[in-house]
Every structure is written in C-alpha cells, then in structure tokens.
C-alpha cells in the first residue's frame, strides 16, 4: 500500500499551488501546478509498469498446467 501513500503525499504536496492558482489567480503557481501534474503523470506511469510486471510474473508462476482452452 506504500505506492498509494506515495501518490496521496504527492498530490497533497501541491495542494497549496492549486489553491493559489485557481482561487487567487497566481500565474507562477500555475507553472508549478503544471510541473506537479507532470510529476504525477510520471509516477502513475511508473506504477502502471510495476503493476504490469507483477501481473506477468504471477501469471508465469501458475500451477505449471497450461491454461484451459475456452469452451466452444
């Protein structure tokens, strides 16, 4: 669950800039928001890749029997 914690901490870390930009119109905060969103995108991609690798690993470590073919 640490990956979820990483994401929530990341989002919370740029909350102030969101408020400054959207509520107060601070343009510099908007630049920081865009950067933060790019960081979030990178983190999400990293997690997606990790999930895919874990799924592939688990799929390869089955019971040794080939997968059942679909019924026709």
PDB file of N, CA and C in Angstrom:
ATOM      1  N   UNK A   1       0.815  -1.191   0.000  1.00  0.00           N
ATOM      2  CA  UNK A   1       0.000   0.000   0.000  1.00  0.00           C
ATOM      3  C   UNK A   1       0.862   1.260   0.000  1.00  0.00           C
ATOM      4  N   UNK A   2       2.178   1.081   0.042  1.00  0.00           N
ATOM      5  CA  UNK A   2       3.052   2.250   0.085  1.00  0.00           C
ATOM      6  C   UNK A   2       2.963   3.069  -1.200  1.00  0.00           C
ATOM      7  N   UNK A   3       2.681   2.438  -2.324  1.00  0.00           N
ATOM      8  CA  UNK A   3       2.534   3.180  -3.584  1.00  0.00           C
ATOM      9  C   UNK A   3       1.354   4.136  -3.504  1.00  0.00           C
ATOM     10  N   UNK A   4       0.273   3.699  -2.896  1.00  0.00           N
ATOM     11  CA  UNK A   4      -0.892   4.575  -2.728  1.00  0.00           C
ATOM     12  C   UNK A   4      -0.527   5.763  -1.842  1.00  0.00           C
ATOM     13  N   UNK A   5       0.213   5.500  -0.789  1.00  0.00           N
ATOM     14  CA  UNK A   5       0.656   6.565   0.102  1.00  0.00           C
ATOM     15  C   UNK A   5       1.532   7.565  -0.639  1.00  0.00           C
ATOM     16  N   UNK A   6       2.413   7.051  -1.499  1.00  0.00           N
ATOM     17  CA  UNK A   6       3.264   7.932  -2.301  1.00  0.00           C
ATOM     18  C   UNK A   6       2.415   8.870  -3.156  1.00  0.00           C
ATOM     19  N   UNK A   7       1.394   8.316  -3.775  1.00  0.00           N
ATOM     20  CA  UNK A   7       0.529   9.134  -4.627  1.00  0.00           C
ATOM     21  C   UNK A   7      -0.219  10.195  -3.833  1.00  0.00           C
ATOM     22  N   UNK A   8      -0.785   9.798  -2.699  1.00  0.00           N
ATOM     23  CA  UNK A   8      -1.544  10.773  -1.911  1.00  0.00           C
ATOM     24  C   UNK A   8      -0.635  11.872  -1.371  1.00  0.00           C
ATOM     25  N   UNK A   9       0.568  11.510  -0.958  1.00  0.00           N
ATOM     26  CA  UNK A   9       1.518  12.517  -0.478  1.00  0.00           C
ATOM     27  C   UNK A   9       1.914  13.462  -1.603  1.00  0.00           C
ATOM     28  N   UNK A  10       2.111  12.921  -2.789  1.00  0.00           N
ATOM     29  CA  UNK A  10       2.473  13.751  -3.932  1.00  0.00           C
ATOM     30  C   UNK A  10       1.364  14.752  -4.252  1.00  0.00           C
ATOM     31  N   UNK A  11       0.138  14.278  -4.297  1.00  0.00           N
ATOM     32  CA  UNK A  11      -0.997  15.161  -4.593  1.00  0.00           C
ATOM     33  C   UNK A  11      -1.148  16.219  -3.499  1.00  0.00           C
ATOM     34  N   UNK A  12      -1.023  15.812  -2.265  1.00  0.00           N
ATOM     35  CA  UNK A  12      -1.155  16.766  -1.167  1.00  0.00           C
ATOM     36  C   UNK A  12      -0.028  17.797  -1.178  1.00  0.00           C
ATOM     37  N   UNK A  13       1.127  17.421  -1.693  1.00  0.00           N
ATOM     38  CA  UNK A  13       2.267  18.337  -1.693  1.00  0.00           C
ATOM     39  C   UNK A  13       2.045  19.549  -2.587  1.00  0.00           C
ATOM     40  N   UNK A  14       1.191  19.440  -3.587  1.00  0.00           N
ATOM     41  CA  UNK A  14       0.952  20.608  -4.428  1.00  0.00           C
ATOM     42  C   UNK A  14      -0.444  21.202  -4.283  1.00  0.00           C
ATOM     43  N   UNK A  15      -1.105  20.893  -3.196  1.00  0.00           N
ATOM     44  CA  UNK A  15      -2.425  21.462  -2.929  1.00  0.00           C
ATOM     45  C   UNK A  15      -2.381  22.983  -2.821  1.00  0.00           C
ATOM     46  N   UNK A  16      -1.365  23.517  -2.140  1.00  0.00           N
ATOM     47  CA  UNK A  16      -1.272  24.968  -1.952  1.00  0.00           C
ATOM     48  C   UNK A  16      -1.156  25.691  -3.291  1.00  0.00           C
ATOM     49  N   UNK A  17      -0.390  25.108  -4.215  1.00  0.00           N
ATOM     50  CA  UNK A  17      -0.248  25.744  -5.529  1.00  0.00           C
ATOM     51  C   UNK A  17      -1.557  25.720  -6.306  1.00  0.00           C
ATOM     52  N   UNK A  18      -2.329  24.645  -6.160  1.00  0.00           N
ATOM     53  CA  UNK A  18      -3.651  24.597  -6.803  1.00  0.00           C
ATOM     54  C   UNK A  18      -4.529  25.731  -6.285  1.00  0.00           C
ATOM     55  N   UNK A  19      -4.539  25.915  -4.973  1.00  0.00           N
ATOM     56  CA  UNK A  19      -5.350  26.969  -4.368  1.00  0.00           C
ATOM     57  C   UNK A  19      -4.881  28.333  -4.841  1.00  0.00           C
ATOM     58  N   UNK A  20      -3.558  28.543  -4.828  1.00  0.00           N
ATOM     59  CA  UNK A  20      -3.016  29.832  -5.258  1.00  0.00           C
ATOM     60  C   UNK A  20      -3.383  30.133  -6.706  1.00  0.00           C
ATOM     61  N   UNK A  21      -3.343  29.114  -7.553  1.00  0.00           N
ATOM     62  CA  UNK A  21      -3.641  29.350  -8.960  1.00  0.00           C
ATOM     63  C   UNK A  21      -5.133  29.520  -9.217  1.00  0.00           C
ATOM     64  N   UNK A  22      -5.927  28.545  -8.765  1.00  0.00           N
ATOM     65  CA  UNK A  22      -7.353  28.548  -9.097  1.00  0.00           C
ATOM     66  C   UNK A  22      -8.172  29.561  -8.306  1.00  0.00           C
ATOM     67  N   UNK A  23      -7.807  29.828  -7.078  1.00  0.00           N
ATOM     68  CA  UNK A  23      -8.607  30.728  -6.257  1.00  0.00           C
ATOM     69  C   UNK A  23      -8.058  32.150  -6.215  1.00  0.00           C
ATOM     70  N   UNK A  24      -6.721  32.273  -6.368  1.00  0.00           N
ATOM     71  CA  UNK A  24      -6.117  33.596  -6.237  1.00  0.00           C
ATOM     72  C   UNK A  24      -5.541  34.116  -7.551  1.00  0.00           C
ATOM     73  N   UNK A  25      -5.508  33.259  -8.575  1.00  0.00           N
ATOM     74  CA  UNK A  25      -5.041  33.694  -9.881  1.00  0.00           C
ATOM     75  C   UNK A  25      -3.537  33.872  -9.989  1.00  0.00           C
ATOM     76  N   UNK A  26      -2.768  33.257  -9.129  1.00  0.00           N
ATOM     77  CA  UNK A  26      -1.311  33.367  -9.147  1.00  0.00           C
ATOM     78  C   UNK A  26      -0.752  32.558 -10.319  1.00  0.00           C
ATOM     79  N   UNK A  27      -0.214  33.245 -11.315  1.00  0.00           N
ATOM     80  CA  UNK A  27       0.266  32.579 -12.524  1.00  0.00           C
ATOM     81  C   UNK A  27       1.510  31.722 -12.272  1.00  0.00           C
ATOM     82  N   UNK A  28       2.360  32.138 -11.371  1.00  0.00           N
ATOM     83  CA  UNK A  28       3.546  31.339 -11.033  1.00  0.00           C
ATOM     84  C   UNK A  28       3.135  30.003 -10.422  1.00  0.00           C
ATOM     85  N   UNK A  29       2.083  30.020  -9.643  1.00  0.00           N
ATOM     86  CA  UNK A  29       1.568  28.783  -9.055  1.00  0.00           C
ATOM     87  C   UNK A  29       1.047  27.876 -10.158  1.00  0.00           C
ATOM     88  N   UNK A  30       0.506  28.470 -11.221  1.00  0.00           N
ATOM     89  CA  UNK A  30       0.030  27.674 -12.359  1.00  0.00           C
ATOM     90  C   UNK A  30       1.162  26.901 -13.010  1.00  0.00           C
ATOM     91  N   UNK A  31       2.330  27.525 -13.114  1.00  0.00           N
ATOM     92  CA  UNK A  31       3.502  26.840 -13.660  1.00  0.00           C
ATOM     93  C   UNK A  31       3.889  25.671 -12.764  1.00  0.00           C
ATOM     94  N   UNK A  32       3.852  25.895 -11.464  1.00  0.00           N
ATOM     95  CA  UNK A  32       4.180  24.817 -10.531  1.00  0.00           C
ATOM     96  C   UNK A  32       3.138  23.698 -10.583  1.00  0.00           C
ATOM     97  N   UNK A  33       1.881  24.049 -10.795  1.00  0.00           N
ATOM     98  CA  UNK A  33       0.823  23.046 -10.924  1.00  0.00           C
ATOM     99  C   UNK A  33       1.094  22.174 -12.149  1.00  0.00           C
ATOM    100  N   UNK A  34       1.445  22.812 -13.259  1.00  0.00           N
ATOM    101  CA  UNK A  34       1.740  22.037 -14.476  1.00  0.00           C
ATOM    102  C   UNK A  34       2.915  21.094 -14.246  1.00  0.00           C
ATOM    103  N   UNK A  35       3.951  21.560 -13.573  1.00  0.00           N
ATOM    104  CA  UNK A  35       5.102  20.711 -13.271  1.00  0.00           C
ATOM    105  C   UNK A  35       4.683  19.557 -12.361  1.00  0.00           C
ATOM    106  N   UNK A  36       3.883  19.869 -11.356  1.00  0.00           N
ATOM    107  CA  UNK A  36       3.430  18.836 -10.426  1.00  0.00           C
ATOM    108  C   UNK A  36       2.588  17.786 -11.139  1.00  0.00           C
ATOM    109  N   UNK A  37       1.760  18.221 -12.073  1.00  0.00           N
ATOM    110  CA  UNK A  37       0.935  17.274 -12.819  1.00  0.00           C
ATOM    111  C   UNK A  37       1.805  16.372 -13.688  1.00  0.00           C
ATOM    112  N   UNK A  38       2.892  16.920 -14.210  1.00  0.00           N
ATOM    113  CA  UNK A  38       3.821  16.104 -14.987  1.00  0.00           C
ATOM    114  C   UNK A  38       4.505  15.068 -14.087  1.00  0.00           C
ATOM    115  N   UNK A  39       4.862  15.474 -12.863  1.00  0.00           N
ATOM    116  CA  UNK A  39       5.433  14.530 -11.897  1.00  0.00           C
ATOM    117  C   UNK A  39       4.437  13.429 -11.567  1.00  0.00           C
ATOM    118  N   UNK A  40       3.183  13.810 -11.407  1.00  0.00           N
ATOM    119  CA  UNK A  40       2.131  12.844 -11.114  1.00  0.00           C
ATOM    120  C   UNK A  40       1.969  11.859 -12.266  1.00  0.00           C
ATOM    121  N   UNK A  41       2.041  12.368 -13.478  1.00  0.00           N
ATOM    122  CA  UNK A  41       1.938  11.509 -14.662  1.00  0.00           C
ATOM    123  C   UNK A  41       3.084  10.494 -14.685  1.00  0.00           C
ATOM    124  N   UNK A  42       4.293  10.963 -14.395  1.00  0.00           N
ATOM    125  CA  UNK A  42       5.447  10.052 -14.376  1.00  0.00           C
ATOM    126  C   UNK A  42       5.284   8.983 -13.301  1.00  0.00           C
ATOM    127  N   UNK A  43       4.825   9.391 -12.122  1.00  0.00           N
ATOM    128  CA  UNK A  43       4.631   8.440 -11.018  1.00  0.00           C
ATOM    129  C   UNK A  43       3.556   7.417 -11.378  1.00  0.00           C
ATOM    130  N   UNK A  44       2.476   7.872 -12.005  1.00  0.00           N
ATOM    131  CA  UNK A  44       1.406   6.962 -12.413  1.00  0.00           C
ATOM    132  C   UNK A  44       1.926   5.958 -13.443  1.00  0.00           C
ATOM    133  N   UNK A  45       2.737   6.428 -14.378  1.00  0.00           N
ATOM    134  CA  UNK A  45       3.289   5.527 -15.398  1.00  0.00           C
ATOM    135  C   UNK A  45       4.203   4.488 -14.762  1.00  0.00           C
ATOM    136  N   UNK A  46       4.983   4.923 -13.783  1.00  0.00           N
ATOM    137  CA  UNK A  46       5.877   4.017 -13.061  1.00  0.00           C
ATOM    138  C   UNK A  46       5.072   2.923 -12.352  1.00  0.00           C
ATOM    139  N   UNK A  47       3.978   3.310 -11.725  1.00  0.00           N
ATOM    140  CA  UNK A  47       3.140   2.343 -11.004  1.00  0.00           C
ATOM    141  C   UNK A  47       2.453   1.400 -11.990  1.00  0.00           C
ATOM    142  N   UNK A  48       1.979   1.950 -13.121  1.00  0.00           N
ATOM    143  CA  UNK A  48       1.355   1.101 -14.141  1.00  0.00           C
ATOM    144  C   UNK A  48       2.327   0.016 -14.605  1.00  0.00           C
ATOM    145  N   UNK A  49       3.564   0.414 -14.846  1.00  0.00           N
ATOM    146  CA  UNK A  49       4.587  -0.539 -15.305  1.00  0.00           C
ATOM    147  C   UNK A  49       4.834  -1.609 -14.242  1.00  0.00           C
ATOM    148  N   UNK A  50       4.929  -1.182 -12.985  1.00  0.00           N
ATOM    149  CA  UNK A  50       5.153  -2.121 -11.892  1.00  0.00           C
ATOM    150  C   UNK A  50       3.996  -3.117 -11.769  1.00  0.00           C
ATOM    151  N   UNK A  51       2.769  -2.629 -11.868  1.00  0.00           N
ATOM    152  CA  UNK A  51       1.594  -3.499 -11.784  1.00  0.00           C
ATOM    153  C   UNK A  51       1.629  -4.530 -12.912  1.00  0.00           C
ATOM    154  N   UNK A  52       1.952  -4.076 -14.114  1.00  0.00           N
ATOM    155  CA  UNK A  52       2.011  -4.975 -15.266  1.00  0.00           C
ATOM    156  C   UNK A  52       3.068  -6.050 -15.067  1.00  0.00           C
ATOM    157  N   UNK A  53       4.236  -5.657 -14.537  1.00  0.00           N
ATOM    158  CA  UNK A  53       5.307  -6.623 -14.287  1.00  0.00           C
ATOM    159  C   UNK A  53       4.890  -7.652 -13.247  1.00  0.00           C
ATOM    160  N   UNK A  54       4.222  -7.206 -12.195  1.00  0.00           N
ATOM    161  CA  UNK A  54       3.769  -8.125 -11.145  1.00  0.00           C
ATOM    162  C   UNK A  54       2.736  -9.094 -11.710  1.00  0.00           C
ATOM    163  N   UNK A  55       1.817  -8.572 -12.522  1.00  0.00           N
ATOM    164  CA  UNK A  55       0.804  -9.443 -13.131  1.00  0.00           C
ATOM    165  C   UNK A  55       1.451 -10.486 -14.029  1.00  0.00           C
ATOM    166  N   UNK A  56       2.435 -10.074 -14.823  1.00  0.00           N
ATOM    167  CA  UNK A  56       3.104 -11.002 -15.731  1.00  0.00           C
ATOM    168  C   UNK A  56       3.875 -12.056 -14.944  1.00  0.00           C
ATOM    169  N   UNK A  57       4.511 -11.634 -13.858  1.00  0.00           N
ATOM    170  CA  UNK A  57       5.263 -12.565 -13.016  1.00  0.00           C
ATOM    171  C   UNK A  57       4.322 -13.584 -12.384  1.00  0.00           C
ATOM    172  N   UNK A  58       3.199 -13.115 -11.842  1.00  0.00           N
ATOM    173  CA  UNK A  58       2.225 -14.007 -11.214  1.00  0.00           C
ATOM    174  C   UNK A  58       1.630 -14.971 -12.228  1.00  0.00           C
ATOM    175  N   UNK A  59       1.402 -14.497 -13.429  1.00  0.00           N
ATOM    176  CA  UNK A  59       0.831 -15.345 -14.472  1.00  0.00           C
ATOM    177  C   UNK A  59       1.811 -16.454 -14.846  1.00  0.00           C
ATOM    178  N   UNK A  60       3.094 -16.144 -14.852  1.00  0.00           N
ATOM    179  CA  UNK A  60       4.114 -17.122 -15.191  1.00  0.00           C
ATOM    180  C   UNK A  60       4.381 -18.123 -14.089  1.00  0.00           C
ATOM    181  N   UNK A  61       3.958 -17.840 -12.878  1.00  0.00           N
ATOM    182  CA  UNK A  61       4.200 -18.727 -11.744  1.00  0.00           C
ATOM    183  C   UNK A  61       2.953 -19.516 -11.369  1.00  0.00           C
ATOM    184  N   UNK A  62       2.205 -19.930 -12.340  1.00  0.00           N
ATOM    185  CA  UNK A  62       0.977 -20.685 -12.075  1.00  0.00           C
ATOM    186  C   UNK A  62       1.275 -22.083 -11.586  1.00  0.00           C
ATOM    187  N   UNK A  63       0.333 -22.977 -11.725  1.00  0.00           N
ATOM    188  CA  UNK A  63       0.457 -24.341 -11.227  1.00  0.00           C
ATOM    189  C   UNK A  63       1.306 -25.212 -12.139  1.00  0.00           C
ATOM    190  N   UNK A  64       1.725 -24.683 -13.251  1.00  0.00           N
ATOM    191  CA  UNK A  64       2.509 -25.476 -14.193  1.00  0.00           C
ATOM    192  C   UNK A  64       1.643 -26.067 -15.284  1.00  0.00           C
ATOM    193  N   UNK A  65       0.349 -26.109 -15.063  1.00  0.00           N
ATOM    194  CA  UNK A  65      -0.578 -26.632 -16.070  1.00  0.00           C
ATOM    195  C   UNK A  65      -0.872 -25.536 -17.078  1.00  0.00           C
ATOM    196  N   UNK A  66      -1.021 -25.900 -18.333  1.00  0.00           N
ATOM    197  CA  UNK A  66      -1.361 -24.877 -19.335  1.00  0.00           C
ATOM    198  C   UNK A  66      -2.746 -24.327 -19.077  1.00  0.00           C
ATOM    199  N   UNK A  67      -3.015 -23.105 -19.499  1.00  0.00           N
ATOM    200  CA  UNK A  67      -4.353 -22.543 -19.277  1.00  0.00           C
ATOM    201  C   UNK A  67      -5.411 -23.328 -20.035  1.00  0.00           C
ATOM    202  N   UNK A  68      -6.590 -23.406 -19.456  1.00  0.00           N
ATOM    203  CA  UNK A  68      -7.702 -24.129 -20.095  1.00  0.00           C
ATOM    204  C   UNK A  68      -8.124 -23.397 -21.350  1.00  0.00           C
ATOM    205  N   UNK A  69      -8.455 -24.157 -22.390  1.00  0.00           N
ATOM    206  CA  UNK A  69      -8.928 -23.526 -23.606  1.00  0.00           C
ATOM    207  C   UNK A  69     -10.404 -23.196 -23.459  1.00  0.00           C
ATOM    208  N   UNK A  70     -10.858 -22.127 -24.106  1.00  0.00           N
ATOM    209  CA  UNK A  70     -12.268 -21.738 -23.978  1.00  0.00           C
ATOM    210  C   UNK A  70     -13.189 -22.796 -24.585  1.00  0.00           C
ATOM    211  N   UNK A  71     -14.334 -22.960 -23.971  1.00  0.00           N
ATOM    212  CA  UNK A  71     -15.326 -23.911 -24.477  1.00  0.00           C
ATOM    213  C   UNK A  71     -15.929 -23.400 -25.778  1.00  0.00           C
ATOM    214  N   UNK A  72     -16.200 -24.311 -26.675  1.00  0.00           N
ATOM    215  CA  UNK A  72     -16.795 -23.907 -27.950  1.00  0.00           C
ATOM    216  C   UNK A  72     -18.194 -24.350 -28.052  1.00  0.00           C
TER     217      UNK A  72
END
